[in-house]
Every structure is written in structure tokens, then in C-alpha cells.
C-alpha atoms as a PDB file:
ATOM      1  CA  MET A   1      23.895 -19.517 -14.754  1.00  0.00           C
ATOM      2  CA  ALA A   2      26.608 -19.992 -11.971  1.00  0.00           C
ATOM      3  CA  LYS A   3      28.471 -22.955 -10.993  1.00  0.00           C
ATOM      4  CA  THR A   4      30.429 -23.062  -7.919  1.00  0.00           C
ATOM      5  CA  GLN A   5      33.184 -25.209  -6.709  1.00  0.00           C
ATOM      6  CA  THR A   6      35.046 -25.297  -3.355  1.00  0.00           C
ATOM      7  CA  SER A   7      38.714 -26.081  -3.543  1.00  0.00           C
ATOM      8  CA  LYS A   8      40.865 -27.884  -1.002  1.00  0.00           C
ATOM      9  CA  ARG A   9      41.930 -24.432   0.504  1.00  0.00           C
ATOM     10  CA  GLY A  10      38.374 -23.538   1.040  1.00  0.00           C
ATOM     11  CA  LYS A  11      38.301 -20.852  -1.750  1.00  0.00           C
ATOM     12  CA  VAL A  12      35.006 -20.741  -3.746  1.00  0.00           C
ATOM     13  CA  GLN A  13      35.358 -20.601  -7.496  1.00  0.00           C
ATOM     14  CA  THR A  14      32.467 -19.419  -9.490  1.00  0.00           C
ATOM     15  CA  HIS A  15      32.052 -20.085 -13.163  1.00  0.00           C
ATOM     16  CA  LEU A  16      29.465 -17.942 -14.942  1.00  0.00           C
ATOM     17  CA  GLN A  17      27.710 -18.883 -18.103  1.00  0.00           C
ATOM     18  CA  GLU A  18      26.140 -16.482 -20.508  1.00  0.00           C
ATOM     19  CA  PRO A  19      22.349 -17.021 -20.824  1.00  0.00           C
ATOM     20  CA  ARG A  20      21.081 -18.674 -23.876  1.00  0.00           C
ATOM     21  CA  GLN A  21      20.060 -16.650 -26.758  1.00  0.00           C
ATOM     22  CA  TYR A  22      16.929 -16.966 -28.677  1.00  0.00           C
ATOM     23  CA  ASN A  23      15.853 -15.771 -32.192  1.00  0.00           C
ATOM     24  CA  VAL A  24      12.548 -13.993 -32.772  1.00  0.00           C
ATOM     25  CA  ILE A  25      11.269 -14.801 -36.275  1.00  0.00           C
ATOM     26  CA  PHE A  26       8.782 -13.462 -38.486  1.00  0.00           C
ATOM     27  CA  HIS A  27       6.918 -15.734 -40.877  1.00  0.00           C
ATOM     28  CA  ASN A  28       5.384 -14.438 -44.400  1.00  0.00           C
ATOM     29  CA  ASP A  29       1.557 -14.647 -45.127  1.00  0.00           C
ATOM     30  CA  ASP A  30      -0.478 -13.378 -47.891  1.00  0.00           C
ATOM     31  CA  PHE A  31      -2.695 -11.238 -45.604  1.00  0.00           C
ATOM     32  CA  THR A  32      -0.591  -9.167 -43.105  1.00  0.00           C
ATOM     33  CA  PRO A  33       0.134  -5.730 -44.638  1.00  0.00           C
ATOM     34  CA  MET A  34       3.738  -4.736 -45.092  1.00  0.00           C
ATOM     35  CA  ASP A  35       3.023  -1.471 -43.327  1.00  0.00           C
ATOM     36  CA  PHE A  36       2.014  -3.340 -40.069  1.00  0.00           C
ATOM     37  CA  VAL A  37       5.073  -5.459 -40.258  1.00  0.00           C
ATOM     38  CA  VAL A  38       7.172  -2.292 -40.377  1.00  0.00           C
ATOM     39  CA  LYS A  39       5.106  -0.676 -37.685  1.00  0.00           C
ATOM     40  CA  VAL A  40       5.684  -3.739 -35.328  1.00  0.00           C
ATOM     41  CA  LEU A  41       9.297  -3.650 -35.959  1.00  0.00           C
ATOM     42  CA  ARG A  42       9.581   0.033 -35.217  1.00  0.00           C
ATOM     43  CA  VAL A  43       7.412  -0.143 -32.049  1.00  0.00           C
ATOM     44  CA  VAL A  44       8.069  -3.453 -30.561  1.00  0.00           C
ATOM     45  CA  PHE A  45      11.655  -4.182 -31.585  1.00  0.00           C
ATOM     46  CA  ARG A  46      12.795  -0.544 -31.823  1.00  0.00           C
ATOM     47  CA  LYS A  47      14.298  -0.869 -35.262  1.00  0.00           C
ATOM     48  CA  ASP A  48      14.900   2.311 -37.480  1.00  0.00           C
ATOM     49  CA  GLU A  49      12.864   2.772 -40.510  1.00  0.00           C
ATOM     50  CA  SER A  50      15.314   1.614 -42.956  1.00  0.00           C
ATOM     51  CA  ILE A  51      16.198  -1.724 -41.029  1.00  0.00           C
ATOM     52  CA  ALA A  52      12.430  -2.268 -40.591  1.00  0.00           C
ATOM     53  CA  GLN A  53      11.834  -1.786 -44.265  1.00  0.00           C
ATOM     54  CA  SER A  54      14.702  -4.112 -45.084  1.00  0.00           C
ATOM     55  CA  LEU A  55      13.526  -6.953 -42.508  1.00  0.00           C
ATOM     56  CA  MET A  56       9.933  -6.682 -43.749  1.00  0.00           C
ATOM     57  CA  MET A  57      11.181  -7.237 -47.538  1.00  0.00           C
ATOM     58  CA  LYS A  58      13.387 -10.121 -46.275  1.00  0.00           C
ATOM     59  CA  VAL A  59      10.434 -11.846 -44.581  1.00  0.00           C
ATOM     60  CA  HIS A  60       8.312 -11.122 -47.737  1.00  0.00           C
ATOM     61  CA  HIS A  61      10.918 -12.448 -50.250  1.00  0.00           C
ATOM     62  CA  GLU A  62      12.501 -15.239 -48.271  1.00  0.00           C
ATOM     63  CA  GLY A  63       9.449 -16.449 -46.393  1.00  0.00           C
ATOM     64  CA  SER A  64      10.687 -15.728 -42.798  1.00  0.00           C
ATOM     65  CA  ALA A  65      13.511 -13.544 -41.064  1.00  0.00           C
ATOM     66  CA  ILE A  66      14.990 -13.334 -37.676  1.00  0.00           C
ATOM     67  CA  VAL A  67      14.124  -9.918 -36.364  1.00  0.00           C
ATOM     68  CA  GLY A  68      16.119  -9.804 -33.148  1.00  0.00           C
ATOM     69  CA  THR A  69      17.911 -12.313 -30.794  1.00  0.00           C
ATOM     70  CA  TYR A  70      17.314 -11.943 -26.979  1.00  0.00           C
ATOM     71  CA  THR A  71      17.336 -13.883 -23.804  1.00  0.00           C
ATOM     72  CA  LEU A  72      14.339 -16.210 -23.533  1.00  0.00           C
ATOM     73  CA  ASP A  73      12.208 -13.945 -21.305  1.00  0.00           C
ATOM     74  CA  ILE A  74      12.684 -10.795 -23.700  1.00  0.00           C
ATOM     75  CA  ALA A  75      12.125 -12.765 -26.691  1.00  0.00           C
ATOM     76  CA  ALA A  76       8.995 -14.229 -25.552  1.00  0.00           C
ATOM     77  CA  SER A  77       7.843 -11.068 -24.243  1.00  0.00           C
ATOM     78  CA  LYS A  78       8.397  -9.383 -27.636  1.00  0.00           C
ATOM     79  CA  ALA A  79       6.733 -12.220 -29.577  1.00  0.00           C
ATOM     80  CA  ASN A  80       3.618 -12.077 -27.259  1.00  0.00           C
ATOM     81  CA  LYS A  81       3.462  -8.416 -27.877  1.00  0.00           C
ATOM     82  CA  THR A  82       3.682  -8.730 -31.588  1.00  0.00           C
ATOM     83  CA  SER A  83       1.039 -11.515 -31.565  1.00  0.00           C
ATOM     84  CA  ARG A  84      -1.401  -9.459 -29.476  1.00  0.00           C
ATOM     85  CA  MET A  85      -0.915  -6.476 -31.774  1.00  0.00           C
ATOM     86  CA  ALA A  86      -1.555  -8.595 -34.693  1.00  0.00           C
ATOM     87  CA  LYS A  87      -4.711 -10.144 -33.161  1.00  0.00           C
ATOM     88  CA  LEU A  88      -5.972  -6.677 -32.262  1.00  0.00           C
ATOM     89  CA  GLU A  89      -5.887  -5.675 -35.955  1.00  0.00           C
ATOM     90  CA  ASN A  90      -7.051  -8.954 -37.356  1.00  0.00           C
ATOM     91  CA  HIS A  91      -3.733  -9.962 -38.986  1.00  0.00           C
ATOM     92  CA  PRO A  92      -2.550 -13.607 -38.996  1.00  0.00           C
ATOM     93  CA  LEU A  93       1.201 -12.733 -38.643  1.00  0.00           C
ATOM     94  CA  LYS A  94       3.060 -15.564 -37.383  1.00  0.00           C
ATOM     95  CA  VAL A  95       5.873 -15.044 -34.798  1.00  0.00           C
ATOM     96  CA  THR A  96       8.013 -17.910 -33.449  1.00  0.00           C
ATOM     97  CA  VAL A  97      10.926 -18.082 -30.792  1.00  0.00           C
ATOM     98  CA  GLU A  98      13.636 -20.598 -31.461  1.00  0.00           C
ATOM     99  CA  LEU A  99      17.112 -21.283 -29.762  1.00  0.00           C
ATOM    100  CA  ALA A 100      19.836 -19.215 -31.612  1.00  0.00           C
END
């Protein structure tokens, strides 16, 4: 977002703000296979195998984990794609997006 101000000399000053960041969070359940969670992390979030495995285990042991931080449009898009993939394979994986 940009804020503009005009000074007495007629010059325009622009103050830019970084866009807000949002966390994509996976929540643990007793039904979604671990392999599916790793697959989504690799395909949708472009994580390498070891990071995907680590995040999946964090979700499993801690109940939830932040799997990525993005601008709102990107976070929502990745969350929606993940939910669609889970629904297609009949998994109840819960994904939320929260302000970072």
C-alpha cells in the first residue's frame, strides 16, 4: 500500500508499506495419511523431501504447524488447492490461514 503526501513545495512523497503476511497452518487429524501430507507439502508448497517430512512430523506431534508464510492471495490460493486435493482423496485435512 502506498500513502502519498504533497509538501509545500509541490513534491509528492510516497511511503510504501510491505503487504501483510499470512501463515498457512496444517492441523493434525487421525485420518489423513502422513504420505498425503508430505505429498501436498512437496507439490503445493514446493518443500524438499526432508523439510516436508519434518513439517509433517511437527503437525503430527504438536497438533499443528505453520507450513508457509505468504501474502493473503498466495496463502489463500495454496490453502484452497490443499483443501481441494484432500477432498478429492477423501481426507479431512484441515488447513487455515492466519495473519502472521
